[in-house]
Protein backbone atom coordinates (compact mmCIF):
# COMPACT_ATOMS: atom_id res chain seq x y z
CA MET A 1 8.24 -54.79 3.64
CA GLY A 2 5.09 -55.69 5.39
CA LEU A 3 2.83 -53.90 7.94
CA LYS A 4 4.33 -55.95 10.60
CA ALA A 5 7.96 -54.13 9.28
CA LEU A 6 6.07 -50.87 8.89
CA LEU A 7 4.80 -50.94 12.47
CA LYS A 8 8.35 -51.69 13.78
CA ASN A 9 9.94 -48.77 12.02
CA ARG A 10 11.40 -46.25 14.65
CA TRP A 11 9.81 -43.15 12.33
CA PHE A 12 6.23 -44.63 12.20
CA ARG A 13 6.53 -45.31 15.90
CA ILE A 14 7.51 -41.76 16.42
CA ILE A 15 5.06 -40.10 13.98
CA SER A 16 2.09 -42.62 15.27
CA ASN A 17 2.63 -41.22 18.65
CA LYS A 18 -0.77 -39.46 20.06
CA TYR A 19 1.22 -36.65 21.68
CA VAL A 20 2.79 -35.97 18.51
CA LEU A 21 0.05 -36.70 16.42
CA ILE A 22 -1.91 -33.92 18.35
CA LEU A 23 0.99 -31.57 18.29
CA LEU A 24 0.78 -31.88 14.38
CA LEU A 25 -2.47 -31.31 14.47
CA PHE A 26 -2.54 -28.18 16.86
CA GLY A 27 0.30 -26.63 14.35
CA VAL A 28 -1.82 -27.40 11.26
CA TRP A 29 -4.66 -25.46 13.12
CA MET A 30 -2.85 -22.64 14.15
CA LEU A 31 -1.04 -21.97 11.13
CA PHE A 32 -3.95 -22.18 8.47
CA LEU A 33 -7.77 -22.96 10.09
CA ASP A 34 -7.89 -20.61 13.05
CA SER A 35 -8.95 -17.27 12.52
CA ASN A 36 -5.77 -15.71 14.00
CA SER A 37 -3.85 -17.94 11.61
CA TRP A 38 -0.36 -17.04 10.06
CA LEU A 39 -1.89 -16.40 6.82
CA VAL A 40 -4.35 -13.80 8.44
CA HIS A 41 -1.36 -12.21 10.26
CA GLN A 42 0.32 -11.91 7.01
CA GLU A 43 -1.95 -10.19 5.46
CA LEU A 44 -2.63 -7.90 8.35
CA ASN A 45 1.01 -7.25 8.04
CA GLU A 46 0.66 -6.43 4.50
CA ASP A 47 -2.02 -3.92 5.29
CA ILE A 48 0.03 -2.08 8.05
CA ASN A 49 3.01 -1.96 5.42
CA GLU A 50 0.28 -0.55 2.90
CA LEU A 51 -0.77 1.91 5.43
CA LYS A 52 2.70 3.01 6.61
CA ASP A 53 3.64 3.72 2.98
CA ASN A 54 0.45 5.70 2.76
CA LYS A 55 1.38 7.54 5.88
CA ALA A 56 4.53 8.61 4.42
CA PHE A 57 3.10 10.03 1.22
CA TYR A 58 0.62 11.96 2.92
CA ARG A 59 3.11 13.49 5.48
CA ALA A 60 5.19 14.49 2.39
CA GLU A 61 2.40 16.13 0.80
CA ILE A 62 1.37 18.07 3.92
CA THR A 63 4.79 19.33 4.11
CA HIS A 64 4.71 20.47 0.60
CA ASP A 65 1.31 22.00 0.76
CA THR A 66 2.52 23.82 4.13
CA THR A 67 5.59 25.33 2.08
CA ILE A 68 2.99 26.29 -0.53
CA ILE A 69 1.06 28.35 1.74
CA ASN A 70 3.53 29.92 3.86
CA GLY A 71 4.65 31.03 0.55
CA LEU A 72 1.04 32.78 -0.22
CA ASN A 73 1.39 35.07 2.59
CA ASP A 74 2.40 37.63 0.37
CA SER A 75 -0.54 39.27 -1.46
CA SER A 76 1.87 39.30 -4.77
CA ALA A 77 2.68 35.56 -4.50
CA LEU A 78 -1.12 34.74 -3.89
CA GLU A 79 -2.43 36.71 -6.73
CA ARG A 80 0.38 34.87 -9.15
CA TYR A 81 -0.84 31.70 -7.64
CA ALA A 82 -4.51 32.49 -8.30
CA ARG A 83 -3.87 33.62 -11.90
CA GLU A 84 -1.80 30.66 -12.70
CA GLU A 85 -3.71 27.93 -11.08
CA TYR A 86 -7.49 29.25 -11.21
CA PHE A 87 -7.38 31.68 -14.21
CA MET A 88 -8.36 34.50 -12.18
CA LYS A 89 -7.99 38.19 -13.45
CA LYS A 90 -8.84 41.60 -12.57
CA GLU A 91 -11.85 43.51 -13.50
CA ASP A 92 -10.45 45.45 -16.41
CA GLU A 93 -7.87 42.63 -18.15
CA GLU A 94 -8.53 40.14 -20.59
CA ILE A 95 -7.15 36.54 -20.14
CA TYR A 96 -5.92 34.37 -23.38
CA ILE A 97 -5.34 30.86 -22.78
CA ILE A 98 -3.49 29.10 -25.20
CA GLU A 99 -3.27 25.54 -25.94
CA TYR A 100 -0.72 23.99 -28.00
CA ASP A 101 -2.21 20.61 -29.89
CA SER A 102 0.50 17.95 -28.60
CA THR A 103 -0.43 15.34 -31.01
CA PRO A 104 1.99 15.54 -34.02
CA LYS A 105 0.45 16.37 -37.50
CA ASN A 106 1.02 13.68 -40.38
CA LYS A 107 2.56 15.54 -43.67
CA PRO A 108 1.48 13.97 -46.70
């Protein structure tokens, strides 16, 4: 198959048309090389999805913290929370914190 046969080929004539070439170059430019390319949009969409997940997580944390705060309106519940979380005590009492060793001991 010679050069003349290639030039007469139907597909070669379609692809070598100047309008098709310009359209292909424009498509490649817009998909990969432009500052607003498809690749950039994919990265931005991933960022948006990650931010939506973060938003859902923080909303759940806000509702959880709100229920805890509403539960602390009672003074006895507030005192219990302070004792458990921050190891606070009354002036005339002593607190002993017992920590258990979580590593298993080797028996000889």
